[in-house]
Amino acid sequence: MTLSIKQRAQLRAKGILVRIEYGNGSVKCSTANGDRYYTASDLAQIAKPGFFDRFTAWMNQGVAS
């Protein structure tokens, strides 16, 4: 499983930089606390936008017009 560009952007916004995706489903990432290993499925769950992310995006639609 590879992470999409959108998922990578969401993770980057949360302070997780994806470095290497391994074939076995492990992913090496850099965080503020150093390098960590995650599973690709865990990162996909972390990358899902929360309610306030969607709410803020909705609120900004009217401002940008």
C-alpha atoms as a PDB file:
ATOM      1  CA  MET A   1       0.000   0.000   0.000  1.00  0.00           C
ATOM      2  CA  THR A   2       1.425   3.351  -0.999  1.00  0.00           C
ATOM      3  CA  LEU A   3       0.292   6.648   0.437  1.00  0.00           C
ATOM      4  CA  SER A   4      -1.300   9.158  -1.908  1.00  0.00           C
ATOM      5  CA  ILE A   5      -0.037  12.697  -2.394  1.00  0.00           C
ATOM      6  CA  LYS A   6      -3.040  13.989  -0.453  1.00  0.00           C
ATOM      7  CA  GLN A   7      -2.316  11.638   2.466  1.00  0.00           C
ATOM      8  CA  ARG A   8       1.331  12.704   2.490  1.00  0.00           C
ATOM      9  CA  ALA A   9       0.259  16.369   2.585  1.00  0.00           C
ATOM     10  CA  GLN A  10      -2.096  15.686   5.517  1.00  0.00           C
ATOM     11  CA  LEU A  11       0.698  13.896   7.381  1.00  0.00           C
ATOM     12  CA  ARG A  12       3.130  16.735   6.640  1.00  0.00           C
ATOM     13  CA  ALA A  13       0.616  19.204   8.090  1.00  0.00           C
ATOM     14  CA  LYS A  14       0.581  17.072  11.259  1.00  0.00           C
ATOM     15  CA  GLY A  15       4.392  17.076  11.482  1.00  0.00           C
ATOM     16  CA  ILE A  16       5.092  13.640   9.994  1.00  0.00           C
ATOM     17  CA  LEU A  17       7.398  13.515   6.970  1.00  0.00           C
ATOM     18  CA  VAL A  18       7.360  10.239   5.019  1.00  0.00           C
ATOM     19  CA  ARG A  19      10.908   9.207   4.103  1.00  0.00           C
ATOM     20  CA  ILE A  20      10.820   5.593   2.870  1.00  0.00           C
ATOM     21  CA  GLU A  21       7.966   3.182   2.135  1.00  0.00           C
ATOM     22  CA  TYR A  22       9.080  -0.436   2.358  1.00  0.00           C
ATOM     23  CA  GLY A  23       7.488  -3.325   0.482  1.00  0.00           C
ATOM     24  CA  ASN A  24       6.427  -5.065   3.701  1.00  0.00           C
ATOM     25  CA  GLY A  25       4.073  -2.195   4.666  1.00  0.00           C
ATOM     26  CA  SER A  26       6.459  -0.400   7.019  1.00  0.00           C
ATOM     27  CA  VAL A  27       7.123   3.292   6.527  1.00  0.00           C
ATOM     28  CA  LYS A  28      10.064   5.271   7.904  1.00  0.00           C
ATOM     29  CA  CYS A  29       9.060   8.803   8.895  1.00  0.00           C
ATOM     30  CA  SER A  30      10.700  11.833  10.455  1.00  0.00           C
ATOM     31  CA  THR A  31       8.922  13.599  13.290  1.00  0.00           C
ATOM     32  CA  ALA A  32       9.894  16.343  15.723  1.00  0.00           C
ATOM     33  CA  ASN A  33      11.018  13.578  18.103  1.00  0.00           C
ATOM     34  CA  GLY A  34      13.249  11.855  15.534  1.00  0.00           C
ATOM     35  CA  ASP A  35      12.792   8.986  13.079  1.00  0.00           C
ATOM     36  CA  ARG A  36       9.931   6.550  13.659  1.00  0.00           C
ATOM     37  CA  TYR A  37       8.523   3.516  11.898  1.00  0.00           C
ATOM     38  CA  TYR A  38       4.788   3.203  11.224  1.00  0.00           C
ATOM     39  CA  THR A  39       2.655   0.795   9.262  1.00  0.00           C
ATOM     40  CA  ALA A  40       1.140   2.205   6.080  1.00  0.00           C
ATOM     41  CA  SER A  41      -2.380   1.469   7.349  1.00  0.00           C
ATOM     42  CA  ASP A  42      -1.713   3.416  10.584  1.00  0.00           C
ATOM     43  CA  LEU A  43      -0.506   6.404   8.580  1.00  0.00           C
ATOM     44  CA  ALA A  44      -3.569   6.221   6.328  1.00  0.00           C
ATOM     45  CA  GLN A  45      -5.751   6.486   9.454  1.00  0.00           C
ATOM     46  CA  ILE A  46      -3.699   9.376  10.845  1.00  0.00           C
ATOM     47  CA  ALA A  47      -3.923  11.189   7.488  1.00  0.00           C
ATOM     48  CA  LYS A  48      -7.727  11.233   7.457  1.00  0.00           C
ATOM     49  CA  PRO A  49      -8.924  14.799   7.982  1.00  0.00           C
ATOM     50  CA  GLY A  50     -10.786  15.347  11.221  1.00  0.00           C
ATOM     51  CA  PHE A  51     -14.054  17.193  11.672  1.00  0.00           C
ATOM     52  CA  PHE A  52     -12.410  20.538  12.376  1.00  0.00           C
ATOM     53  CA  ASP A  53     -10.168  20.227   9.303  1.00  0.00           C
ATOM     54  CA  ARG A  54     -13.264  19.854   7.111  1.00  0.00           C
ATOM     55  CA  PHE A  55     -15.173  22.551   9.036  1.00  0.00           C
ATOM     56  CA  THR A  56     -12.339  25.054   8.657  1.00  0.00           C
ATOM     57  CA  ALA A  57     -12.072  24.298   4.926  1.00  0.00           C
ATOM     58  CA  TRP A  58     -15.833  24.833   4.584  1.00  0.00           C
ATOM     59  CA  MET A  59     -15.670  28.139   6.466  1.00  0.00           C
ATOM     60  CA  ASN A  60     -12.802  29.372   4.269  1.00  0.00           C
ATOM     61  CA  GLN A  61     -14.795  28.779   1.080  1.00  0.00           C
ATOM     62  CA  GLY A  62     -16.939  31.850   1.727  1.00  0.00           C
ATOM     63  CA  VAL A  63     -13.978  34.026   2.670  1.00  0.00           C
ATOM     64  CA  ALA A  64     -11.956  33.261  -0.458  1.00  0.00           C
ATOM     65  CA  SER A  65     -14.769  34.242  -2.857  1.00  0.00           C
END
